[in-house]
Amino acid sequence: MERHSASVHQGDPVGAEGHLKEGLALAAETGDETSAGYYLEAMAGVAGQRNDPERAVRLLAAARSMLEARGSGWLHAYVPRDPPGEAYLAAWRSRLGDAAFDEAQAWGRSAGSRRAVKYALG
């Protein structure tokens, strides 16, 4: 039986993103902002794999902002985290340039959960 998770789609960012969007939509629908933050974090990694650094930076900044505001929640106990680290951020900054990187990061920090979810699902 096939597991339907992002890990099943390793090397298939489009498939992974589809499953992450499903999880994000459910988390948002139920008001579970902490889980939504984790989905945004994972989607940032997928955006990086898809060569979309601006989206990656926006999603990661939004995720970090949500997780700082809401705490770690229950999902972290069941799903291993592998958030994009400083090396990814440095690479994305290099690709975007300082001004665009800072703008994308500021957007993510100030987006709020509804706007960030809408952006991620769009």
PDB file of N, CA and C in Angstrom:
ATOM      1  N   MET A   1       0.841  -1.179   0.000  1.00  0.00           N
ATOM      2  CA  MET A   1       0.000   0.000   0.000  1.00  0.00           C
ATOM      3  C   MET A   1       0.889   1.246   0.000  1.00  0.00           C
ATOM      4  N   GLU A   2       0.625   2.159  -0.916  1.00  0.00           N
ATOM      5  CA  GLU A   2       1.425   3.367  -1.044  1.00  0.00           C
ATOM      6  C   GLU A   2       1.051   4.378   0.026  1.00  0.00           C
ATOM      7  N   ARG A   3       2.055   4.945   0.665  1.00  0.00           N
ATOM      8  CA  ARG A   3       1.822   6.028   1.625  1.00  0.00           C
ATOM      9  C   ARG A   3       1.691   7.324   0.851  1.00  0.00           C
ATOM     10  N   HIS A   4       0.730   8.125   1.221  1.00  0.00           N
ATOM     11  CA  HIS A   4       0.548   9.416   0.557  1.00  0.00           C
ATOM     12  C   HIS A   4       1.144  10.502   1.434  1.00  0.00           C
ATOM     13  N   SER A   5       2.416  10.745   1.235  1.00  0.00           N
ATOM     14  CA  SER A   5       3.089  11.804   1.972  1.00  0.00           C
ATOM     15  C   SER A   5       4.112  12.442   1.065  1.00  0.00           C
ATOM     16  N   ALA A   6       4.673  13.533   1.541  1.00  0.00           N
ATOM     17  CA  ALA A   6       5.684  14.228   0.751  1.00  0.00           C
ATOM     18  C   ALA A   6       6.885  13.330   0.487  1.00  0.00           C
ATOM     19  N   SER A   7       7.215  12.441   1.432  1.00  0.00           N
ATOM     20  CA  SER A   7       8.389  11.595   1.257  1.00  0.00           C
ATOM     21  C   SER A   7       8.221  10.599   0.125  1.00  0.00           C
ATOM     22  N   VAL A   8       6.982  10.199  -0.178  1.00  0.00           N
ATOM     23  CA  VAL A   8       6.733   9.299  -1.291  1.00  0.00           C
ATOM     24  C   VAL A   8       7.149   9.971  -2.594  1.00  0.00           C
ATOM     25  N   HIS A   9       7.057  11.275  -2.622  1.00  0.00           N
ATOM     26  CA  HIS A   9       7.319  12.030  -3.832  1.00  0.00           C
ATOM     27  C   HIS A   9       8.709  12.648  -3.846  1.00  0.00           C
ATOM     28  N   GLN A  10       9.633  12.060  -3.140  1.00  0.00           N
ATOM     29  CA  GLN A  10      10.997  12.545  -3.152  1.00  0.00           C
ATOM     30  C   GLN A  10      11.479  12.548  -4.599  1.00  0.00           C
ATOM     31  N   GLY A  11      11.989  13.663  -5.050  1.00  0.00           N
ATOM     32  CA  GLY A  11      12.392  13.784  -6.436  1.00  0.00           C
ATOM     33  C   GLY A  11      11.245  14.174  -7.346  1.00  0.00           C
ATOM     34  N   ASP A  12      10.045  14.315  -6.803  1.00  0.00           N
ATOM     35  CA  ASP A  12       8.862  14.710  -7.554  1.00  0.00           C
ATOM     36  C   ASP A  12       8.225  15.896  -6.832  1.00  0.00           C
ATOM     37  N   PRO A  13       8.798  17.090  -6.988  1.00  0.00           N
ATOM     38  CA  PRO A  13       8.292  18.233  -6.233  1.00  0.00           C
ATOM     39  C   PRO A  13       6.835  18.575  -6.542  1.00  0.00           C
ATOM     40  N   VAL A  14       6.388  18.331  -7.755  1.00  0.00           N
ATOM     41  CA  VAL A  14       4.998  18.638  -8.097  1.00  0.00           C
ATOM     42  C   VAL A  14       4.061  17.727  -7.308  1.00  0.00           C
ATOM     43  N   GLY A  15       4.359  16.428  -7.252  1.00  0.00           N
ATOM     44  CA  GLY A  15       3.536  15.499  -6.481  1.00  0.00           C
ATOM     45  C   GLY A  15       3.571  15.812  -5.002  1.00  0.00           C
ATOM     46  N   ALA A  16       4.749  16.132  -4.488  1.00  0.00           N
ATOM     47  CA  ALA A  16       4.878  16.474  -3.073  1.00  0.00           C
ATOM     48  C   ALA A  16       4.075  17.723  -2.755  1.00  0.00           C
ATOM     49  N   GLU A  17       4.183  18.726  -3.622  1.00  0.00           N
ATOM     50  CA  GLU A  17       3.459  19.969  -3.372  1.00  0.00           C
ATOM     51  C   GLU A  17       1.947  19.744  -3.345  1.00  0.00           C
ATOM     52  N   GLY A  18       1.462  18.865  -4.208  1.00  0.00           N
ATOM     53  CA  GLY A  18       0.031  18.568  -4.217  1.00  0.00           C
ATOM     54  C   GLY A  18      -0.442  17.996  -2.896  1.00  0.00           C
ATOM     55  N   HIS A  19       0.327  17.076  -2.348  1.00  0.00           N
ATOM     56  CA  HIS A  19      -0.051  16.481  -1.057  1.00  0.00           C
ATOM     57  C   HIS A  19       0.096  17.492   0.081  1.00  0.00           C
ATOM     58  N   LEU A  20       1.123  18.318   0.010  1.00  0.00           N
ATOM     59  CA  LEU A  20       1.299  19.336   1.038  1.00  0.00           C
ATOM     60  C   LEU A  20       0.170  20.359   0.992  1.00  0.00           C
ATOM     61  N   LYS A  21      -0.287  20.697  -0.205  1.00  0.00           N
ATOM     62  CA  LYS A  21      -1.416  21.625  -0.323  1.00  0.00           C
ATOM     63  C   LYS A  21      -2.679  21.027   0.295  1.00  0.00           C
ATOM     64  N   GLU A  22      -2.891  19.733   0.099  1.00  0.00           N
ATOM     65  CA  GLU A  22      -4.051  19.072   0.712  1.00  0.00           C
ATOM     66  C   GLU A  22      -3.981  19.186   2.230  1.00  0.00           C
ATOM     67  N   GLY A  23      -2.814  18.885   2.784  1.00  0.00           N
ATOM     68  CA  GLY A  23      -2.648  18.977   4.231  1.00  0.00           C
ATOM     69  C   GLY A  23      -2.804  20.396   4.735  1.00  0.00           C
ATOM     70  N   LEU A  24      -2.248  21.351   4.000  1.00  0.00           N
ATOM     71  CA  LEU A  24      -2.363  22.756   4.386  1.00  0.00           C
ATOM     72  C   LEU A  24      -3.819  23.202   4.373  1.00  0.00           C
ATOM     73  N   ALA A  25      -4.551  22.819   3.346  1.00  0.00           N
ATOM     74  CA  ALA A  25      -5.963  23.196   3.255  1.00  0.00           C
ATOM     75  C   ALA A  25      -6.751  22.638   4.443  1.00  0.00           C
ATOM     76  N   LEU A  26      -6.491  21.393   4.807  1.00  0.00           N
ATOM     77  CA  LEU A  26      -7.183  20.796   5.958  1.00  0.00           C
ATOM     78  C   LEU A  26      -6.799  21.489   7.261  1.00  0.00           C
ATOM     79  N   ALA A  27      -5.508  21.777   7.428  1.00  0.00           N
ATOM     80  CA  ALA A  27      -5.063  22.461   8.641  1.00  0.00           C
ATOM     81  C   ALA A  27      -5.712  23.833   8.744  1.00  0.00           C
ATOM     82  N   ALA A  28      -5.761  24.557   7.635  1.00  0.00           N
ATOM     83  CA  ALA A  28      -6.372  25.888   7.638  1.00  0.00           C
ATOM     84  C   ALA A  28      -7.871  25.800   7.918  1.00  0.00           C
ATOM     85  N   GLU A  29      -8.524  24.823   7.321  1.00  0.00           N
ATOM     86  CA  GLU A  29      -9.970  24.647   7.503  1.00  0.00           C
ATOM     87  C   GLU A  29     -10.328  24.369   8.960  1.00  0.00           C
ATOM     88  N   THR A  30      -9.476  23.630   9.655  1.00  0.00           N
ATOM     89  CA  THR A  30      -9.743  23.282  11.046  1.00  0.00           C
ATOM     90  C   THR A  30      -9.175  24.301  12.035  1.00  0.00           C
ATOM     91  N   GLY A  31      -8.487  25.333  11.515  1.00  0.00           N
ATOM     92  CA  GLY A  31      -7.921  26.355  12.380  1.00  0.00           C
ATOM     93  C   GLY A  31      -6.636  25.939  13.078  1.00  0.00           C
ATOM     94  N   ASP A  32      -5.981  24.907  12.586  1.00  0.00           N
ATOM     95  CA  ASP A  32      -4.731  24.422  13.188  1.00  0.00           C
ATOM     96  C   ASP A  32      -3.556  25.175  12.560  1.00  0.00           C
ATOM     97  N   GLU A  33      -3.308  26.375  13.085  1.00  0.00           N
ATOM     98  CA  GLU A  33      -2.282  27.235  12.498  1.00  0.00           C
ATOM     99  C   GLU A  33      -0.874  26.697  12.697  1.00  0.00           C
ATOM    100  N   THR A  34      -0.634  25.948  13.744  1.00  0.00           N
ATOM    101  CA  THR A  34       0.694  25.372  13.938  1.00  0.00           C
ATOM    102  C   THR A  34       0.986  24.361  12.842  1.00  0.00           C
ATOM    103  N   SER A  35       0.046  23.472  12.581  1.00  0.00           N
ATOM    104  CA  SER A  35       0.242  22.500  11.501  1.00  0.00           C
ATOM    105  C   SER A  35       0.362  23.209  10.161  1.00  0.00           C
ATOM    106  N   ALA A  36      -0.435  24.255   9.964  1.00  0.00           N
ATOM    107  CA  ALA A  36      -0.329  25.029   8.722  1.00  0.00           C
ATOM    108  C   ALA A  36       1.084  25.588   8.572  1.00  0.00           C
ATOM    109  N   GLY A  37       1.664  26.034   9.666  1.00  0.00           N
ATOM    110  CA  GLY A  37       3.044  26.526   9.625  1.00  0.00           C
ATOM    111  C   GLY A  37       4.018  25.455   9.180  1.00  0.00           C
ATOM    112  N   TYR A  38       3.836  24.244   9.667  1.00  0.00           N
ATOM    113  CA  TYR A  38       4.712  23.143   9.248  1.00  0.00           C
ATOM    114  C   TYR A  38       4.536  22.814   7.769  1.00  0.00           C
ATOM    115  N   TYR A  39       3.293  22.865   7.293  1.00  0.00           N
ATOM    116  CA  TYR A  39       3.067  22.624   5.866  1.00  0.00           C
ATOM    117  C   TYR A  39       3.722  23.718   5.032  1.00  0.00           C
ATOM    118  N   LEU A  40       3.614  24.964   5.471  1.00  0.00           N
ATOM    119  CA  LEU A  40       4.264  26.058   4.746  1.00  0.00           C
ATOM    120  C   LEU A  40       5.779  25.866   4.716  1.00  0.00           C
ATOM    121  N   GLU A  41       6.330  25.426   5.825  1.00  0.00           N
ATOM    122  CA  GLU A  41       7.761  25.172   5.920  1.00  0.00           C
ATOM    123  C   GLU A  41       8.191  24.112   4.899  1.00  0.00           C
ATOM    124  N   ALA A  42       7.430  23.035   4.830  1.00  0.00           N
ATOM    125  CA  ALA A  42       7.745  21.972   3.867  1.00  0.00           C
ATOM    126  C   ALA A  42       7.567  22.455   2.433  1.00  0.00           C
ATOM    127  N   MET A  43       6.538  23.275   2.213  1.00  0.00           N
ATOM    128  CA  MET A  43       6.309  23.805   0.875  1.00  0.00           C
ATOM    129  C   MET A  43       7.419  24.756   0.446  1.00  0.00           C
ATOM    130  N   ALA A  44       8.038  25.426   1.408  1.00  0.00           N
ATOM    131  CA  ALA A  44       9.180  26.284   1.086  1.00  0.00           C
ATOM    132  C   ALA A  44      10.318  25.436   0.518  1.00  0.00           C
ATOM    133  N   GLY A  45      10.556  24.286   1.130  1.00  0.00           N
ATOM    134  CA  GLY A  45      11.590  23.388   0.610  1.00  0.00           C
ATOM    135  C   GLY A  45      11.280  22.919  -0.801  1.00  0.00           C
ATOM    136  N   VAL A  46      10.016  22.626  -1.057  1.00  0.00           N
ATOM    137  CA  VAL A  46       9.601  22.194  -2.400  1.00  0.00           C
ATOM    138  C   VAL A  46       9.781  23.331  -3.392  1.00  0.00           C
ATOM    139  N   ALA A  47       9.419  24.557  -2.989  1.00  0.00           N
ATOM    140  CA  ALA A  47       9.595  25.707  -3.880  1.00  0.00           C
ATOM    141  C   ALA A  47      11.071  25.887  -4.236  1.00  0.00           C
ATOM    142  N   GLY A  48      11.936  25.655  -3.264  1.00  0.00           N
ATOM    143  CA  GLY A  48      13.372  25.724  -3.538  1.00  0.00           C
ATOM    144  C   GLY A  48      13.795  24.670  -4.547  1.00  0.00           C
ATOM    145  N   GLN A  49      13.262  23.459  -4.404  1.00  0.00           N
ATOM    146  CA  GLN A  49      13.567  22.391  -5.361  1.00  0.00           C
ATOM    147  C   GLN A  49      13.031  22.720  -6.740  1.00  0.00           C
ATOM    148  N   ARG A  50      11.940  23.453  -6.796  1.00  0.00           N
ATOM    149  CA  ARG A  50      11.328  23.814  -8.078  1.00  0.00           C
ATOM    150  C   ARG A  50      11.950  25.069  -8.664  1.00  0.00           C
ATOM    151  N   ASN A  51      13.034  25.529  -8.062  1.00  0.00           N
ATOM    152  CA  ASN A  51      13.777  26.681  -8.567  1.00  0.00           C
ATOM    153  C   ASN A  51      12.948  27.972  -8.510  1.00  0.00           C
ATOM    154  N   ASP A  52      12.230  28.146  -7.402  1.00  0.00           N
ATOM    155  CA  ASP A  52      11.421  29.344  -7.184  1.00  0.00           C
ATOM    156  C   ASP A  52      11.820  29.948  -5.837  1.00  0.00           C
ATOM    157  N   PRO A  53      13.004  30.595  -5.783  1.00  0.00           N
ATOM    158  CA  PRO A  53      13.505  31.082  -4.496  1.00  0.00           C
ATOM    159  C   PRO A  53      12.638  32.151  -3.849  1.00  0.00           C
ATOM    160  N   GLU A  54      11.973  32.998  -4.626  1.00  0.00           N
ATOM    161  CA  GLU A  54      11.126  34.026  -4.019  1.00  0.00           C
ATOM    162  C   GLU A  54       9.977  33.383  -3.253  1.00  0.00           C
ATOM    163  N   ARG A  55       9.339  32.393  -3.871  1.00  0.00           N
ATOM    164  CA  ARG A  55       8.243  31.678  -3.192  1.00  0.00           C
ATOM    165  C   ARG A  55       8.776  30.946  -1.960  1.00  0.00           C
ATOM    166  N   ALA A  56       9.941  30.337  -2.093  1.00  0.00           N
ATOM    167  CA  ALA A  56      10.537  29.615  -0.971  1.00  0.00           C
ATOM    168  C   ALA A  56      10.773  30.539   0.216  1.00  0.00           C
ATOM    169  N   VAL A  57      11.326  31.714  -0.037  1.00  0.00           N
ATOM    170  CA  VAL A  57      11.619  32.660   1.042  1.00  0.00           C
ATOM    171  C   VAL A  57      10.319  33.165   1.675  1.00  0.00           C
ATOM    172  N   ARG A  58       9.331  33.490   0.857  1.00  0.00           N
ATOM    173  CA  ARG A  58       8.049  33.964   1.394  1.00  0.00           C
ATOM    174  C   ARG A  58       7.406  32.903   2.282  1.00  0.00           C
ATOM    175  N   LEU A  59       7.368  31.658   1.786  1.00  0.00           N
ATOM    176  CA  LEU A  59       6.723  30.586   2.548  1.00  0.00           C
ATOM    177  C   LEU A  59       7.478  30.289   3.835  1.00  0.00           C
ATOM    178  N   LEU A  60       8.801  30.258   3.769  1.00  0.00           N
ATOM    179  CA  LEU A  60       9.578  29.956   4.966  1.00  0.00           C
ATOM    180  C   LEU A  60       9.435  31.058   6.010  1.00  0.00           C
ATOM    181  N   ALA A  61       9.471  32.315   5.573  1.00  0.00           N
ATOM    182  CA  ALA A  61       9.309  33.417   6.524  1.00  0.00           C
ATOM    183  C   ALA A  61       7.916  33.390   7.157  1.00  0.00           C
ATOM    184  N   ALA A  62       6.897  33.094   6.349  1.00  0.00           N
ATOM    185  CA  ALA A  62       5.537  32.999   6.891  1.00  0.00           C
ATOM    186  C   ALA A  62       5.437  31.842   7.884  1.00  0.00           C
ATOM    187  N   ALA A  63       6.031  30.717   7.525  1.00  0.00           N
ATOM    188  CA  ALA A  63       6.001  29.547   8.407  1.00  0.00           C
ATOM    189  C   ALA A  63       6.677  29.852   9.740  1.00  0.00           C
ATOM    190  N   ARG A  64       7.845  30.450   9.677  1.00  0.00           N
ATOM    191  CA  ARG A  64       8.575  30.767  10.910  1.00  0.00           C
ATOM    192  C   ARG A  64       7.784  31.740  11.775  1.00  0.00           C
ATOM    193  N   SER A  65       7.162  32.719  11.143  1.00  0.00           N
ATOM    194  CA  SER A  65       6.361  33.688  11.885  1.00  0.00           C
ATOM    195  C   SER A  65       5.185  33.004  12.575  1.00  0.00           C
ATOM    196  N   MET A  66       4.504  32.129  11.857  1.00  0.00           N
ATOM    197  CA  MET A  66       3.364  31.414  12.437  1.00  0.00           C
ATOM    198  C   MET A  66       3.808  30.501  13.573  1.00  0.00           C
ATOM    199  N   LEU A  67       4.909  29.785  13.380  1.00  0.00           N
ATOM    200  CA  LEU A  67       5.374  28.852  14.409  1.00  0.00           C
ATOM    201  C   LEU A  67       5.881  29.585  15.644  1.00  0.00           C
ATOM    202  N   GLU A  68       6.505  30.758  15.455  1.00  0.00           N
ATOM    203  CA  GLU A  68       6.928  31.553  16.609  1.00  0.00           C
ATOM    204  C   GLU A  68       5.720  32.034  17.408  1.00  0.00           C
ATOM    205  N   ALA A  69       4.659  32.382  16.705  1.00  0.00           N
ATOM    206  CA  ALA A  69       3.461  32.903  17.377  1.00  0.00           C
ATOM    207  C   ALA A  69       2.642  31.807  18.050  1.00  0.00           C
ATOM    208  N   ARG A  70       2.645  30.604  17.480  1.00  0.00           N
ATOM    209  CA  ARG A  70       1.742  29.540  17.947  1.00  0.00           C
ATOM    210  C   ARG A  70       2.422  28.425  18.729  1.00  0.00           C
ATOM    211  N   GLY A  71       3.723  28.302  18.632  1.00  0.00           N
ATOM    212  CA  GLY A  71       4.402  27.207  19.308  1.00  0.00           C
ATOM    213  C   GLY A  71       4.529  25.987  18.414  1.00  0.00           C
ATOM    214  N   SER A  72       5.055  24.904  18.964  1.00  0.00           N
ATOM    215  CA  SER A  72       5.398  23.741  18.147  1.00  0.00           C
ATOM    216  C   SER A  72       4.217  22.838  17.817  1.00  0.00           C
ATOM    217  N   GLY A  73       3.169  22.829  18.614  1.00  0.00           N
ATOM    218  CA  GLY A  73       1.993  22.024  18.308  1.00  0.00           C
ATOM    219  C   GLY A  73       2.243  20.530  18.382  1.00  0.00           C
ATOM    220  N   TRP A  74       1.235  19.766  18.012  1.00  0.00           N
ATOM    221  CA  TRP A  74       1.282  18.299  18.128  1.00  0.00           C
ATOM    222  C   TRP A  74       1.925  17.616  16.925  1.00  0.00           C
ATOM    223  N   LEU A  75       1.811  18.197  15.732  1.00  0.00           N
ATOM    224  CA  LEU A  75       2.277  17.532  14.521  1.00  0.00           C
ATOM    225  C   LEU A  75       3.776  17.227  14.566  1.00  0.00           C
ATOM    226  N   HIS A  76       4.520  18.120  15.189  1.00  0.00           N
ATOM    227  CA  HIS A  76       5.977  17.944  15.276  1.00  0.00           C
ATOM    228  C   HIS A  76       6.337  16.625  15.955  1.00  0.00           C
ATOM    229  N   ALA A  77       5.499  16.132  16.824  1.00  0.00           N
ATOM    230  CA  ALA A  77       5.771  14.867  17.509  1.00  0.00           C
ATOM    231  C   ALA A  77       5.650  13.668  16.575  1.00  0.00           C
ATOM    232  N   TYR A  78       4.919  13.805  15.478  1.00  0.00           N
ATOM    233  CA  TYR A  78       4.659  12.681  14.582  1.00  0.00           C
ATOM    234  C   TYR A  78       5.342  12.783  13.224  1.00  0.00           C
ATOM    235  N   VAL A  79       5.631  13.972  12.800  1.00  0.00           N
ATOM    236  CA  VAL A  79       6.211  14.179  11.476  1.00  0.00           C
ATOM    237  C   VAL A  79       7.600  14.790  11.644  1.00  0.00           C
ATOM    238  N   PRO A  80       8.627  14.110  11.163  1.00  0.00           N
ATOM    239  CA  PRO A  80       9.971  14.678  11.308  1.00  0.00           C
ATOM    240  C   PRO A  80      10.101  15.961  10.494  1.00  0.00           C
ATOM    241  N   ARG A  81      10.740  16.944  11.086  1.00  0.00           N
ATOM    242  CA  ARG A  81      10.950  18.229  10.410  1.00  0.00           C
ATOM    243  C   ARG A  81      12.312  18.265   9.757  1.00  0.00           C
ATOM    244  N   ASP A  82      12.348  18.882   8.620  1.00  0.00           N
ATOM    245  CA  ASP A  82      13.609  19.131   7.933  1.00  0.00           C
ATOM    246  C   ASP A  82      13.497  20.483   7.241  1.00  0.00           C
ATOM    247  N   PRO A  83      13.379  21.561   8.050  1.00  0.00           N
ATOM    248  CA  PRO A  83      13.189  22.874   7.442  1.00  0.00           C
ATOM    249  C   PRO A  83      14.434  23.321   6.681  1.00  0.00           C
ATOM    250  N   PRO A  84      14.225  24.108   5.641  1.00  0.00           N
ATOM    251  CA  PRO A  84      15.390  24.653   4.935  1.00  0.00           C
ATOM    252  C   PRO A  84      16.258  25.430   5.911  1.00  0.00           C
ATOM    253  N   GLY A  85      17.537  25.163   5.890  1.00  0.00           N
ATOM    254  CA  GLY A  85      18.461  25.799   6.821  1.00  0.00           C
ATOM    255  C   GLY A  85      19.162  27.007   6.232  1.00  0.00           C
ATOM    256  N   GLU A  86      20.174  27.443   6.946  1.00  0.00           N
ATOM    257  CA  GLU A  86      20.898  28.657   6.566  1.00  0.00           C
ATOM    258  C   GLU A  86      21.574  28.538   5.199  1.00  0.00           C
ATOM    259  N   ALA A  87      22.027  27.348   4.828  1.00  0.00           N
ATOM    260  CA  ALA A  87      22.664  27.186   3.517  1.00  0.00           C
ATOM    261  C   ALA A  87      21.664  27.469   2.397  1.00  0.00           C
ATOM    262  N   TYR A  88      20.424  27.003   2.574  1.00  0.00           N
ATOM    263  CA  TYR A  88      19.388  27.284   1.579  1.00  0.00           C
ATOM    264  C   TYR A  88      19.087  28.778   1.528  1.00  0.00           C
ATOM    265  N   LEU A  89      18.967  29.394   2.693  1.00  0.00           N
ATOM    266  CA  LEU A  89      18.684  30.825   2.738  1.00  0.00           C
ATOM    267  C   LEU A  89      19.786  31.622   2.039  1.00  0.00           C
ATOM    268  N   ALA A  90      21.035  31.234   2.282  1.00  0.00           N
ATOM    269  CA  ALA A  90      22.152  31.929   1.624  1.00  0.00           C
ATOM    270  C   ALA A  90      22.097  31.751   0.109  1.00  0.00           C
ATOM    271  N   ALA A  91      21.761  30.554  -0.342  1.00  0.00           N
ATOM    272  CA  ALA A  91      21.658  30.299  -1.785  1.00  0.00           C
ATOM    273  C   ALA A  91      20.501  31.093  -2.384  1.00  0.00           C
ATOM    274  N   TRP A  92      19.369  31.133  -1.694  1.00  0.00           N
ATOM    275  CA  TRP A  92      18.217  31.886  -2.200  1.00  0.00           C
ATOM    276  C   TRP A  92      18.522  33.376  -2.225  1.00  0.00           C
ATOM    277  N   ARG A  93      19.233  33.882  -1.193  1.00  0.00           N
ATOM    278  CA  ARG A  93      19.625  35.297  -1.163  1.00  0.00           C
ATOM    279  C   ARG A  93      20.531  35.604  -2.348  1.00  0.00           C
ATOM    280  N   SER A  94      21.446  34.704  -2.622  1.00  0.00           N
ATOM    281  CA  SER A  94      22.374  34.890  -3.739  1.00  0.00           C
ATOM    282  C   SER A  94      21.626  34.939  -5.071  1.00  0.00           C
ATOM    283  N   ARG A  95      20.643  34.067  -5.230  1.00  0.00           N
ATOM    284  CA  ARG A  95      19.873  34.015  -6.486  1.00  0.00           C
ATOM    285  C   ARG A  95      18.982  35.236  -6.657  1.00  0.00           C
ATOM    286  N   LEU A  96      18.358  35.685  -5.561  1.00  0.00           N
ATOM    287  CA  LEU A  96      17.410  36.793  -5.642  1.00  0.00           C
ATOM    288  C   LEU A  96      18.069  38.165  -5.577  1.00  0.00           C
ATOM    289  N   GLY A  97      19.193  38.244  -4.893  1.00  0.00           N
ATOM    290  CA  GLY A  97      19.789  39.538  -4.568  1.00  0.00           C
ATOM    291  C   GLY A  97      19.245  39.996  -3.227  1.00  0.00           C
ATOM    292  N   ASP A  98      20.017  40.851  -2.563  1.00  0.00           N
ATOM    293  CA  ASP A  98      19.664  41.265  -1.202  1.00  0.00           C
ATOM    294  C   ASP A  98      18.297  41.938  -1.106  1.00  0.00           C
ATOM    295  N   ALA A  99      18.021  42.872  -2.011  1.00  0.00           N
ATOM    296  CA  ALA A  99      16.764  43.629  -1.915  1.00  0.00           C
ATOM    297  C   ALA A  99      15.550  42.730  -2.117  1.00  0.00           C
ATOM    298  N   ALA A 100      15.550  41.908  -3.137  1.00  0.00           N
ATOM    299  CA  ALA A 100      14.407  41.024  -3.395  1.00  0.00           C
ATOM    300  C   ALA A 100      14.258  39.988  -2.294  1.00  0.00           C
ATOM    301  N   PHE A 101      15.381  39.473  -1.780  1.00  0.00           N
ATOM    302  CA  PHE A 101      15.331  38.507  -0.682  1.00  0.00           C
ATOM    303  C   PHE A 101      14.691  39.150   0.545  1.00  0.00           C
ATOM    304  N   ASP A 102      15.170  40.344   0.906  1.00  0.00           N
ATOM    305  CA  ASP A 102      14.639  41.035   2.083  1.00  0.00           C
ATOM    306  C   ASP A 102      13.153  41.358   1.915  1.00  0.00           C
ATOM    307  N   GLU A 103      12.756  41.746   0.698  1.00  0.00           N
ATOM    308  CA  GLU A 103      11.349  42.038   0.430  1.00  0.00           C
ATOM    309  C   GLU A 103      10.487  40.781   0.573  1.00  0.00           C
ATOM    310  N   ALA A 104      10.956  39.665   0.031  1.00  0.00           N
ATOM    311  CA  ALA A 104      10.214  38.405   0.135  1.00  0.00           C
ATOM    312  C   ALA A 104      10.109  37.960   1.588  1.00  0.00           C
ATOM    313  N   GLN A 105      11.188  38.120   2.327  1.00  0.00           N
ATOM    314  CA  GLN A 105      11.184  37.728   3.732  1.00  0.00           C
ATOM    315  C   GLN A 105      10.243  38.627   4.536  1.00  0.00           C
ATOM    316  N   ALA A 106      10.258  39.916   4.253  1.00  0.00           N
ATOM    317  CA  ALA A 106       9.361  40.843   4.952  1.00  0.00           C
ATOM    318  C   ALA A 106       7.904  40.514   4.635  1.00  0.00           C
ATOM    319  N   TRP A 107       7.624  40.167   3.371  1.00  0.00           N
ATOM    320  CA  TRP A 107       6.262  39.798   3.006  1.00  0.00           C
ATOM    321  C   TRP A 107       5.820  38.594   3.833  1.00  0.00           C
ATOM    322  N   GLY A 108       6.662  37.573   3.897  1.00  0.00           N
ATOM    323  CA  GLY A 108       6.320  36.363   4.636  1.00  0.00           C
ATOM    324  C   GLY A 108       6.091  36.617   6.111  1.00  0.00           C
ATOM    325  N   ARG A 109       6.930  37.452   6.706  1.00  0.00           N
ATOM    326  CA  ARG A 109       6.792  37.755   8.135  1.00  0.00           C
ATOM    327  C   ARG A 109       5.510  38.509   8.450  1.00  0.00           C
ATOM    328  N   SER A 110       5.077  39.346   7.511  1.00  0.00           N
ATOM    329  CA  SER A 110       3.923  40.201   7.791  1.00  0.00           C
ATOM    330  C   SER A 110       2.623  39.681   7.171  1.00  0.00           C
ATOM    331  N   ALA A 111       2.680  38.579   6.447  1.00  0.00           N
ATOM    332  CA  ALA A 111       1.513  38.107   5.696  1.00  0.00           C
ATOM    333  C   ALA A 111       0.342  37.704   6.580  1.00  0.00           C
ATOM    334  N   GLY A 112       0.619  37.154   7.723  1.00  0.00           N
ATOM    335  CA  GLY A 112      -0.454  36.598   8.544  1.00  0.00           C
ATOM    336  C   GLY A 112      -0.857  35.235   8.001  1.00  0.00           C
ATOM    337  N   SER A 113      -1.520  34.460   8.818  1.00  0.00           N
ATOM    338  CA  SER A 113      -1.794  33.070   8.437  1.00  0.00           C
ATOM    339  C   SER A 113      -2.741  32.956   7.248  1.00  0.00           C
ATOM    340  N   ARG A 114      -3.812  33.720   7.220  1.00  0.00           N
ATOM    341  CA  ARG A 114      -4.775  33.598   6.105  1.00  0.00           C
ATOM    342  C   ARG A 114      -4.139  33.951   4.767  1.00  0.00           C
ATOM    343  N   ARG A 115      -3.439  35.059   4.744  1.00  0.00           N
ATOM    344  CA  ARG A 115      -2.804  35.500   3.502  1.00  0.00           C
ATOM    345  C   ARG A 115      -1.727  34.515   3.066  1.00  0.00           C
ATOM    346  N   ALA A 116      -0.947  34.006   4.011  1.00  0.00           N
ATOM    347  CA  ALA A 116       0.110  33.041   3.681  1.00  0.00           C
ATOM    348  C   ALA A 116      -0.484  31.752   3.134  1.00  0.00           C
ATOM    349  N   VAL A 117      -1.553  31.279   3.743  1.00  0.00           N
ATOM    350  CA  VAL A 117      -2.213  30.044   3.263  1.00  0.00           C
ATOM    351  C   VAL A 117      -2.775  30.270   1.867  1.00  0.00           C
ATOM    352  N   LYS A 118      -3.428  31.386   1.666  1.00  0.00           N
ATOM    353  CA  LYS A 118      -3.978  31.702   0.343  1.00  0.00           C
ATOM    354  C   LYS A 118      -2.862  31.739  -0.705  1.00  0.00           C
ATOM    355  N   TYR A 119      -1.752  32.356  -0.376  1.00  0.00           N
ATOM    356  CA  TYR A 119      -0.619  32.420  -1.292  1.00  0.00           C
ATOM    357  C   TYR A 119      -0.083  31.016  -1.582  1.00  0.00           C
ATOM    358  N   ALA A 120       0.074  30.210  -0.551  1.00  0.00           N
ATOM    359  CA  ALA A 120       0.628  28.851  -0.719  1.00  0.00           C
ATOM    360  C   ALA A 120      -0.285  27.973  -1.554  1.00  0.00           C
ATOM    361  N   LEU A 121      -1.584  28.131  -1.396  1.00  0.00           N
ATOM    362  CA  LEU A 121      -2.522  27.296  -2.123  1.00  0.00           C
ATOM    363  C   LEU A 121      -2.766  27.781  -3.556  1.00  0.00           C
ATOM    364  N   GLY A 122      -2.415  29.046  -3.819  1.00  0.00           N
ATOM    365  CA  GLY A 122      -2.649  29.638  -5.142  1.00  0.00           C
ATOM    366  C   GLY A 122      -1.656  29.207  -6.178  1.00  0.00           C
TER     367      GLY A 122
END
